[in-house]
């Protein structure tokens, strides 16, 4: 259709040209005829012949026929893709109805088509002046009276069904005459209801949503469809920006401390659980160790009942060592407990000065350490008590055995006197063996034979036998 329109226009122009050419050619011939007739040369009339009249009827017909393709071409109009048009009559003004992309017919010389772009448009403002800023600077005032800059973008398009209303009632162009004032007014009217911080951070979405609704309602009433309103940037005053930055840093620090406090609380709970687990484990271990020591002590006590070669001196030394070991262990345990409690209190005080959260953790750790220390001291004391009790039982057993067999002391003394003694014959009368008979027999080795015999005769028979044994040795 586009080629047909231009072909018809070319045909009409060609007809106009042909009509003008016919008239011009006839005028040219008439001028040549007049020139020949006025020259006076013999035979000029014969050469000129008769005068040719102008062909006005033919020219008029061509001129009239030329209007047909021109008018037909002028009645064909095109609406490009992404656009819409409305018919505007020279008689009745804008006609209702929208012409969508494609070919349409209009009344030539009476109607024309106004084409509008129906694709999305973008109205943009800047928050602050800049070297490359070409858009409008939008400044608004907040509740405090501070002026801030807003960088916004409004995405909109014309309503295709209301192009007639837009063409007849709205100032053109719509972008600068309608959209820009409405958007700026909406933001400037709503900004005084908020403080700078709310516009910048806390109620930014609410501020954008309210302005979007206001802009959508106002422009929608004029046939302009708003798709999206974006608040890209907020330019704060320099001094206020510095103060706000400090406040935000403090809030971030506060949030960080809250997060760290939560972590410390969890660590304290973990430490409590670990301390309880360690306490239970050590208690079980102490109980098992004490039980094993009791069993060993009982076994040793049972074994001591059947062991005769016991030494009174070792019994006394063991008793004294056990008592000293008990006292030293108790003192060491008490000193260690006091030292750990003192250290825990000092650590708790230092952490309480550093931070409240650290103080809580330190107190709990100190308490856990103190409980562990007390448990260890109690377990050690219990172990020592059980060991001392076992030693006491063993000593009592030994004492009972010695009480039942007093001659064991003499056997021990004999073992100390000579490592070559293997057999000792104990006298039946129970008199002092080593104080009289044994010593007498030992010293008789240096006497004359008769004296030795007399000594042996004076001594009891068992004593003589023991002396004889010593002498053989």
Protein backbone atom coordinates (compact mmCIF):
# COMPACT_ATOMS: atom_id res chain seq x y z
CA UNK A 1 0.00 0.00 0.00
CA UNK A 2 2.86 2.33 0.67
CA UNK A 3 4.15 1.81 -2.91
CA UNK A 4 0.65 2.27 -4.28
CA UNK A 5 0.32 5.60 -2.47
CA UNK A 6 3.55 6.91 -3.91
CA UNK A 7 2.64 5.53 -7.34
CA UNK A 8 -0.67 7.37 -7.27
CA UNK A 9 1.05 10.55 -6.16
CA UNK A 10 3.58 10.17 -8.95
CA UNK A 11 0.75 9.64 -11.46
CA UNK A 12 -1.08 12.77 -10.29
CA UNK A 13 2.08 14.86 -10.42
CA UNK A 14 2.81 13.47 -13.90
CA UNK A 15 -0.66 14.45 -15.11
CA UNK A 16 -0.20 17.95 -13.72
CA UNK A 17 3.09 18.12 -15.51
CA UNK A 18 1.58 16.82 -18.76
CA UNK A 19 -1.21 19.40 -18.65
CA UNK A 20 1.28 22.15 -18.03
CA UNK A 21 3.48 20.79 -20.82
CA UNK A 22 0.65 20.70 -23.34
CA UNK A 23 -0.27 24.31 -22.61
CA UNK A 24 3.32 25.37 -22.66
CA UNK A 25 4.01 23.64 -25.93
CA UNK A 26 1.00 25.29 -27.56
CA UNK A 27 2.10 28.66 -26.22
CA UNK A 28 5.54 28.05 -27.62
CA UNK A 29 4.12 27.23 -31.06
CA UNK A 30 1.94 30.34 -30.97
CA UNK A 31 4.94 32.45 -30.13
CA UNK A 32 6.88 30.97 -33.03
CA UNK A 33 3.97 31.60 -35.37
CA UNK A 34 3.77 35.24 -34.31
CA UNK A 35 7.49 35.61 -34.77
CA UNK A 36 7.36 34.28 -38.31
CA UNK A 37 4.36 36.38 -39.20
CA UNK A 38 5.99 39.56 -38.01
CA UNK A 39 9.33 39.06 -39.75
CA UNK A 40 7.97 40.17 -43.25
CA UNK A 41 10.01 37.67 -45.24
CA UNK A 42 8.58 36.47 -48.57
CA UNK A 43 7.05 33.04 -48.20
CA UNK A 44 6.78 33.37 -44.40
CA UNK A 45 3.05 32.85 -44.42
CA UNK A 46 3.42 29.68 -46.44
CA UNK A 47 6.07 28.45 -44.01
CA UNK A 48 4.04 29.31 -40.90
CA UNK A 49 0.85 27.83 -42.28
CA UNK A 50 -2.23 28.32 -40.20
CA UNK A 51 -2.05 29.28 -36.46
CA UNK A 52 -2.51 26.29 -34.12
CA UNK A 53 -4.97 27.02 -31.29
CA UNK A 54 -4.13 26.29 -27.60
CA UNK A 55 -5.39 22.92 -26.35
CA UNK A 56 -7.08 24.13 -23.24
CA UNK A 57 -9.68 21.37 -23.08
CA UNK A 58 -6.99 18.70 -23.11
CA UNK A 59 -5.01 20.51 -20.46
CA UNK A 60 -8.16 20.93 -18.34
CA UNK A 61 -8.96 17.25 -18.64
CA UNK A 62 -5.40 16.27 -17.65
CA UNK A 63 -5.51 18.70 -14.72
CA UNK A 64 -8.80 17.28 -13.55
CA UNK A 65 -7.71 13.70 -13.96
CA UNK A 66 -4.52 14.42 -11.99
CA UNK A 67 -6.53 15.21 -8.85
CA UNK A 68 -8.00 11.72 -8.74
CA UNK A 69 -4.74 9.81 -7.99
CA UNK A 70 -3.55 12.64 -5.74
CA UNK A 71 -6.69 12.64 -3.65
CA UNK A 72 -6.67 8.87 -3.57
CA UNK A 73 -3.03 8.89 -2.40
CA UNK A 74 -3.79 11.56 0.20
CA UNK A 75 -6.62 9.44 1.60
CA UNK A 76 -4.22 6.58 2.37
CA UNK A 77 -2.33 6.98 5.68
CA UNK A 78 0.00 4.68 7.59
CA UNK A 79 0.39 4.19 11.32
CA UNK A 80 3.83 2.69 12.13
CA UNK A 81 4.40 -0.20 14.52
CA UNK A 82 4.37 0.72 18.19
CA UNK A 83 2.27 3.81 17.53
CA UNK A 84 -1.36 4.83 17.39
CA UNK A 85 -3.25 7.58 15.60
CA UNK A 86 -6.39 9.65 15.80
CA UNK A 87 -8.32 11.36 12.99
CA UNK A 88 -8.43 15.14 13.24
CA UNK A 89 -11.09 16.79 11.12
CA UNK A 90 -10.75 20.38 9.93
CA UNK A 91 -14.51 20.73 10.50
CA UNK A 92 -15.38 18.82 13.69
CA UNK A 93 -11.99 18.50 15.42
CA UNK A 94 -10.64 15.25 16.92
CA UNK A 95 -12.73 12.23 16.04
CA UNK A 96 -13.24 9.35 18.50
CA UNK A 97 -11.52 6.04 17.90
CA UNK A 98 -7.88 4.94 17.71
CA UNK A 99 -6.04 3.99 14.56
CA UNK A 100 -3.72 1.10 15.30
CA UNK A 101 -0.60 0.21 13.27
CA UNK A 102 -1.42 -0.43 9.63
CA UNK A 103 -3.10 1.28 6.62
CA UNK A 104 -6.12 3.52 7.10
CA UNK A 105 -8.26 5.72 4.84
CA UNK A 106 -9.14 9.32 5.66
CA UNK A 107 -10.94 12.10 3.86
CA UNK A 108 -8.27 13.99 1.91
CA UNK A 109 -7.88 17.73 2.56
CA UNK A 110 -10.44 17.45 5.39
CA UNK A 111 -8.94 14.99 7.81
CA UNK A 112 -5.43 14.28 8.98
CA UNK A 113 -3.95 11.65 11.33
CA UNK A 114 -2.00 12.57 14.49
CA UNK A 115 0.40 9.76 15.37
CA UNK A 116 1.46 9.07 18.98
CA UNK A 117 4.13 6.68 20.23
CA UNK A 118 2.46 3.98 22.31
CA UNK A 119 5.68 2.35 23.50
CA UNK A 120 6.97 2.69 27.06
CA UNK A 121 8.58 5.99 27.93
CA UNK A 122 10.90 6.93 30.77
CA UNK A 123 10.94 10.15 32.75
CA UNK A 124 14.14 10.51 34.81
CA UNK A 125 15.44 13.05 37.31
CA UNK A 126 18.81 13.39 39.05
CA UNK A 127 19.47 13.78 42.76
CA UNK A 128 22.39 16.18 42.47
CA UNK A 129 23.96 18.27 39.72
CA UNK A 130 26.81 16.66 37.85
CA UNK A 131 29.00 17.15 34.83
CA UNK A 132 27.17 14.47 32.83
CA UNK A 133 23.69 15.18 34.24
CA UNK A 134 21.27 16.23 31.51
CA UNK A 135 18.01 15.49 33.33
CA UNK A 136 16.07 17.68 35.71
CA UNK A 137 17.28 18.02 39.32
CA UNK A 138 14.43 17.12 41.70
CA UNK A 139 14.79 18.68 45.17
CA UNK A 140 12.21 18.24 47.93
CA UNK A 141 11.94 19.43 51.53
CA UNK A 142 11.38 17.07 54.45
CA UNK A 143 9.67 17.61 57.79
CA UNK A 144 12.85 19.10 59.33
CA UNK A 145 13.04 21.68 56.54
CA UNK A 146 16.13 20.05 54.98
CA UNK A 147 16.41 19.91 51.21
CA UNK A 148 17.26 16.54 49.71
CA UNK A 149 17.68 15.46 46.11
CA UNK A 150 15.77 12.53 44.64
CA UNK A 151 16.84 10.50 41.64
CA UNK A 152 13.67 8.89 40.26
CA UNK A 153 12.59 7.08 37.13
CA UNK A 154 8.96 6.85 36.01
CA UNK A 155 8.07 4.28 33.39
CA UNK A 156 4.78 5.04 31.60
CA UNK A 157 2.94 4.83 28.29
CA UNK A 158 -0.10 6.41 26.64
CA UNK A 159 -3.43 4.61 26.84
CA UNK A 160 -4.28 3.58 23.24
CA UNK A 161 -8.01 3.76 23.91
CA UNK A 162 -7.82 7.39 25.08
CA UNK A 163 -5.66 8.91 22.36
CA UNK A 164 -8.57 11.10 21.29
CA UNK A 165 -8.87 12.56 24.78
CA UNK A 166 -5.10 13.07 25.00
CA UNK A 167 -4.97 14.87 21.65
CA UNK A 168 -7.97 17.04 22.38
CA UNK A 169 -7.35 17.98 26.04
CA UNK A 170 -3.70 17.57 27.00
CA UNK A 171 -0.89 19.98 26.28
CA UNK A 172 1.73 18.68 23.90
CA UNK A 173 4.28 17.25 24.31
CA UNK A 174 2.91 15.15 27.13
CA UNK A 175 6.35 14.27 28.56
CA UNK A 176 7.38 17.78 29.54
CA UNK A 177 3.97 19.42 29.91
CA UNK A 178 2.08 16.77 31.91
CA UNK A 179 4.30 13.96 33.26
CA UNK A 180 7.16 16.06 34.62
CA UNK A 181 4.99 18.50 36.66
CA UNK A 182 2.78 15.73 38.05
CA UNK A 183 5.75 13.60 39.18
CA UNK A 184 7.62 16.53 40.75
CA UNK A 185 4.49 17.77 42.52
CA UNK A 186 3.68 14.32 43.93
CA UNK A 187 7.12 13.94 45.50
CA UNK A 188 7.21 17.52 46.78
CA UNK A 189 3.74 17.17 48.36
CA UNK A 190 4.51 13.89 50.12
CA UNK A 191 8.08 14.56 51.29
CA UNK A 192 7.12 16.99 54.14
CA UNK A 193 5.33 14.09 55.89
CA UNK A 194 8.62 12.29 56.48
CA UNK A 195 11.94 13.06 58.10
CA UNK A 196 15.17 12.64 56.19
CA UNK A 197 16.08 9.35 57.83
CA UNK A 198 12.71 7.82 56.99
CA UNK A 199 13.02 8.81 53.34
CA UNK A 200 16.60 7.53 53.24
CA UNK A 201 16.20 4.18 54.99
CA UNK A 202 13.40 3.21 57.37
CA UNK A 203 10.31 4.20 55.34
CA UNK A 204 11.80 4.42 51.89
CA UNK A 205 9.54 1.75 50.41
CA UNK A 206 6.46 3.33 51.99
CA UNK A 207 7.42 6.75 50.61
CA UNK A 208 7.93 5.29 47.12
CA UNK A 209 4.67 3.32 47.27
CA UNK A 210 2.59 6.36 48.24
CA UNK A 211 4.12 8.55 45.55
CA UNK A 212 3.59 5.76 43.02
CA UNK A 213 -0.11 5.59 43.91
CA UNK A 214 -0.47 9.37 43.68
CA UNK A 215 1.30 9.58 40.32
CA UNK A 216 -0.63 6.60 38.94
CA UNK A 217 -3.97 8.07 39.93
CA UNK A 218 -3.27 11.55 38.57
CA UNK A 219 -1.76 10.45 35.27
CA UNK A 220 -4.26 7.62 34.86
CA UNK A 221 -7.08 10.14 34.86
CA UNK A 222 -5.44 11.77 31.82
CA UNK A 223 -4.97 8.55 29.88
CA UNK A 224 -1.34 7.96 30.86
CA UNK A 225 -0.63 4.48 32.23
CA UNK A 226 2.15 4.40 34.85
CA UNK A 227 3.87 1.04 35.05
CA UNK A 228 6.62 1.65 37.57
CA UNK A 229 8.11 4.38 39.76
CA UNK A 230 11.69 3.84 40.91
CA UNK A 231 13.47 5.80 43.66
CA UNK A 232 17.05 5.29 42.55
CA UNK A 233 18.95 7.54 44.92
CA UNK A 234 18.53 10.04 47.76
CA UNK A 235 21.07 12.84 47.98
CA UNK A 236 21.43 14.02 51.57
CA UNK A 237 22.91 17.31 52.78
CA UNK A 238 26.61 16.95 53.45
CA UNK A 239 26.51 17.63 57.20
CA UNK A 240 23.46 15.44 57.72
CA UNK A 241 25.06 12.62 55.71
CA UNK A 242 28.10 12.67 58.00
CA UNK A 243 25.93 12.55 61.12
CA UNK A 244 23.74 9.80 59.70
CA UNK A 245 26.81 7.80 58.76
CA UNK A 246 28.00 7.98 62.36
CA UNK A 247 24.60 6.85 63.65
CA UNK A 248 24.53 3.94 61.22
CA UNK A 249 28.02 2.91 62.29
CA UNK A 250 26.93 2.93 65.93
CA UNK A 251 23.85 0.87 65.09
CA UNK A 252 25.99 -1.62 63.23
CA UNK A 253 28.35 -1.79 66.19
CA UNK A 254 25.37 -2.36 68.50
CA UNK A 255 24.06 -5.14 66.28
CA UNK A 256 27.54 -6.67 66.18
CA UNK A 257 27.79 -6.59 69.99
CA UNK A 258 24.34 -8.18 70.29
CA UNK A 259 25.44 -10.92 67.92
CA UNK A 260 28.67 -11.47 69.86
CA UNK A 261 26.71 -11.50 73.13
CA UNK A 262 24.46 -14.22 71.74
CA UNK A 263 27.56 -16.17 70.73
CA UNK A 264 29.04 -15.74 74.22
CA UNK A 265 25.79 -16.94 75.79
CA UNK A 266 25.88 -20.05 73.62
CA UNK A 267 29.53 -20.58 74.56
CA UNK A 268 28.58 -20.24 78.24
CA UNK A 269 25.88 -22.88 77.81
CA UNK A 270 28.34 -25.14 76.03
CA UNK A 271 30.87 -24.57 78.84
CA UNK A 272 28.20 -25.42 81.43
CA UNK A 273 27.31 -28.62 79.61
CA UNK A 274 30.97 -29.53 79.22
CA UNK A 275 31.60 -28.80 82.91
CA UNK A 276 28.65 -30.97 83.92
CA UNK A 277 29.84 -33.75 81.63
CA UNK A 278 33.39 -33.45 82.99
CA UNK A 279 32.02 -33.40 86.53
CA UNK A 280 30.00 -36.56 85.93
CA UNK A 281 32.92 -38.22 84.17
CA UNK A 282 35.35 -37.40 86.96
CA UNK A 283 32.83 -38.50 89.57
CA UNK A 284 32.37 -41.83 87.81
CA UNK A 285 36.12 -42.15 87.39
CA UNK A 286 36.71 -41.33 91.07
CA UNK A 287 34.07 -43.81 92.16
CA UNK A 288 35.57 -46.49 89.92
CA UNK A 289 39.08 -45.70 91.14
CA UNK A 290 37.96 -45.72 94.76
CA UNK A 291 36.13 -49.00 94.24
CA UNK A 292 39.17 -50.54 92.60
CA UNK A 293 41.38 -49.29 95.44
CA UNK A 294 38.95 -50.71 98.00
CA UNK A 295 38.94 -54.04 96.22
CA UNK A 296 42.73 -54.00 96.00
CA UNK A 297 43.00 -53.02 99.65
CA UNK A 298 40.61 -55.80 100.64
CA UNK A 299 42.55 -58.27 98.52
CA UNK A 300 45.78 -57.09 100.07
CA UNK A 301 44.23 -57.32 103.53
CA UNK A 302 43.06 -60.85 102.79
CA UNK A 303 46.51 -61.71 101.54
CA UNK A 304 48.09 -60.19 104.64
CA UNK A 305 46.09 -62.57 106.81
CA UNK A 306 48.10 -65.43 105.32
CA UNK A 307 51.46 -63.63 105.22
CA UNK A 308 53.53 -64.21 108.33
CA UNK A 309 56.92 -62.46 107.61
CA UNK A 310 55.76 -58.97 108.59
CA UNK A 311 57.99 -56.32 110.06
CA UNK A 312 56.93 -54.11 112.89
CA UNK A 313 59.19 -51.31 111.79
CA UNK A 314 57.74 -51.33 108.27
CA UNK A 315 54.27 -51.25 109.79
CA UNK A 316 55.13 -48.20 111.83
CA UNK A 317 56.88 -46.51 108.89
CA UNK A 318 53.97 -47.25 106.58
CA UNK A 319 51.58 -45.82 109.10
CA UNK A 320 53.63 -42.68 109.52
CA UNK A 321 54.09 -42.32 105.72
CA UNK A 322 50.41 -42.83 105.10
CA UNK A 323 49.54 -40.23 107.72
CA UNK A 324 52.11 -37.78 106.31
CA UNK A 325 50.98 -38.48 102.76
CA UNK A 326 47.39 -37.99 103.75
CA UNK A 327 48.12 -34.71 105.48
CA UNK A 328 50.32 -33.49 102.60
CA UNK A 329 47.75 -34.48 99.99
CA UNK A 330 44.95 -32.80 101.90
CA UNK A 331 47.03 -29.66 102.35
CA UNK A 332 48.03 -29.65 98.70
CA UNK A 333 44.46 -30.21 97.60
CA UNK A 334 43.21 -27.40 99.84
CA UNK A 335 46.00 -25.09 98.68
CA UNK A 336 45.31 -25.93 95.04
CA UNK A 337 41.59 -25.42 95.54
CA UNK A 338 42.15 -22.07 97.25
CA UNK A 339 44.61 -21.03 94.54
CA UNK A 340 42.24 -21.96 91.76
CA UNK A 341 39.33 -20.25 93.51
CA UNK A 342 41.46 -17.11 93.93
CA UNK A 343 42.53 -17.23 90.28
CA UNK A 344 38.94 -17.79 89.18
CA UNK A 345 37.75 -14.82 91.24
CA UNK A 346 40.52 -12.60 89.82
CA UNK A 347 39.72 -13.72 86.27
CA UNK A 348 36.01 -13.13 86.88
CA UNK A 349 36.72 -9.62 88.18
CA UNK A 350 38.93 -8.78 85.20
CA UNK A 351 36.36 -10.03 82.72
CA UNK A 352 33.58 -8.21 84.53
CA UNK A 353 35.54 -4.94 84.02
CA UNK A 354 36.05 -5.68 80.30
CA UNK A 355 32.44 -6.43 79.36
CA UNK A 356 29.23 -7.65 80.89
CA UNK A 357 28.98 -10.58 78.50
CA UNK A 358 32.59 -11.63 79.17
CA UNK A 359 31.98 -11.32 82.90
CA UNK A 360 29.07 -13.75 82.74
CA UNK A 361 31.17 -16.22 80.79
CA UNK A 362 34.09 -15.85 83.22
CA UNK A 363 31.87 -16.38 86.25
CA UNK A 364 30.36 -19.49 84.78
CA UNK A 365 33.79 -20.82 83.76
CA UNK A 366 35.17 -19.98 87.22
CA UNK A 367 32.25 -21.74 88.85
CA UNK A 368 32.73 -24.73 86.58
CA UNK A 369 36.48 -24.81 87.36
CA UNK A 370 35.79 -24.45 91.08
CA UNK A 371 33.29 -27.32 90.94
CA UNK A 372 35.80 -29.42 89.03
CA UNK A 373 38.54 -28.56 91.53
CA UNK A 374 36.28 -29.35 94.47
CA UNK A 375 35.32 -32.63 92.83
CA UNK A 376 38.97 -33.48 92.21
CA UNK A 377 39.89 -32.56 95.80
CA UNK A 378 36.96 -34.56 97.12
CA UNK A 379 37.89 -37.52 94.94
CA UNK A 380 41.55 -37.32 96.01
CA UNK A 381 40.52 -36.99 99.65
CA UNK A 382 38.17 -39.94 99.29
CA UNK A 383 40.94 -41.94 97.60
CA UNK A 384 43.39 -41.06 100.37
CA UNK A 385 40.79 -41.87 102.99
CA UNK A 386 40.11 -45.24 101.43
CA UNK A 387 43.86 -45.91 101.05
CA UNK A 388 44.47 -44.91 104.66
CA UNK A 389 41.58 -47.07 105.74
CA UNK A 390 42.99 -49.99 103.78
CA UNK A 391 46.44 -49.38 105.26
CA UNK A 392 44.90 -49.13 108.70
CA UNK A 393 43.05 -52.39 108.13
CA UNK A 394 46.28 -53.94 106.87
CA UNK A 395 48.18 -52.67 109.92
CA UNK A 396 45.43 -53.89 112.19
CA UNK A 397 45.67 -57.27 110.52
CA UNK A 398 49.41 -57.29 110.94
CA UNK A 399 49.06 -56.24 114.56
CA UNK A 400 46.52 -59.02 115.09
CA UNK A 401 48.88 -61.55 113.51
CA UNK A 402 51.78 -60.32 115.65
CA UNK A 403 49.59 -60.43 118.70
CA UNK A 404 48.68 -64.05 117.96
CA UNK A 405 52.29 -64.95 117.06
CA UNK A 406 54.67 -62.78 119.11
CA UNK A 407 57.61 -64.92 118.11
CA UNK A 408 57.49 -63.36 114.63
CA UNK A 409 59.26 -60.32 116.03
CA UNK A 410 62.13 -62.53 117.13
CA UNK A 411 62.23 -64.07 113.64
CA UNK A 412 62.49 -60.63 112.09
CA UNK A 413 65.27 -59.64 114.47
CA UNK A 414 67.10 -62.87 113.64
CA UNK A 415 66.81 -62.10 109.94
CA UNK A 416 68.30 -58.66 110.60
CA UNK A 417 71.18 -60.11 112.61
CA UNK A 418 72.44 -62.58 109.96
CA UNK A 419 71.49 -63.12 106.35
CA UNK A 420 72.93 -66.68 106.56
CA UNK A 421 70.37 -67.89 109.08
CA UNK A 422 67.89 -70.26 107.48
CA UNK A 423 66.32 -72.29 110.34
CA UNK A 424 65.39 -71.06 113.80
CA UNK A 425 64.20 -73.40 116.51
CA UNK A 426 61.91 -71.55 118.90
CA UNK A 427 62.08 -72.75 122.56
CA UNK A 428 58.88 -74.15 123.92
CA UNK A 429 59.15 -72.40 127.25
CA UNK A 430 58.88 -68.97 125.60
CA UNK A 431 61.72 -67.40 127.57
CA UNK A 432 64.02 -64.72 126.20
CA UNK A 433 65.71 -66.50 123.36
CA UNK A 434 68.05 -63.91 121.99
CA UNK A 435 68.76 -62.22 125.28
CA UNK A 436 70.26 -65.31 126.96
CA UNK A 437 70.58 -68.58 125.10
CA UNK A 438 71.44 -67.39 121.64
CA UNK A 439 73.99 -64.88 122.81
CA UNK A 440 75.47 -67.40 125.25
CA UNK A 441 75.81 -69.95 122.45
CA UNK A 442 77.35 -67.39 120.14
CA UNK A 443 79.96 -66.33 122.72
CA UNK A 444 80.80 -69.92 123.67
CA UNK A 445 82.73 -70.26 120.44
CA UNK A 446 85.58 -68.29 122.02
CA UNK A 447 85.71 -70.30 125.27
CA UNK A 448 87.66 -73.49 125.98
CA UNK A 449 86.00 -76.74 125.08
CA UNK A 450 85.16 -77.66 128.62
CA UNK A 451 83.64 -74.34 129.37
CA UNK A 452 81.53 -74.52 126.27
CA UNK A 453 80.31 -77.93 127.25
CA UNK A 454 79.47 -76.70 130.70
CA UNK A 455 77.60 -73.83 129.26
CA UNK A 456 75.69 -76.07 126.94
CA UNK A 457 74.90 -78.44 129.81
CA UNK A 458 73.60 -75.59 131.92
CA UNK A 459 71.34 -74.38 129.14
CA UNK A 460 68.07 -76.09 128.34
CA UNK A 461 68.01 -78.80 125.70
CA UNK A 462 66.28 -76.71 123.03
CA UNK A 463 68.76 -73.93 123.57
CA UNK A 464 71.64 -76.37 123.15
CA UNK A 465 70.14 -77.50 119.87
CA UNK A 466 69.85 -73.94 118.61
CA UNK A 467 73.40 -73.18 119.64
CA UNK A 468 74.56 -76.28 117.87
CA UNK A 469 72.82 -75.10 114.74
CA UNK A 470 74.46 -71.66 115.00
CA UNK A 471 77.79 -73.25 115.55
CA UNK A 472 77.38 -75.43 112.48
CA UNK A 473 76.53 -72.37 110.48
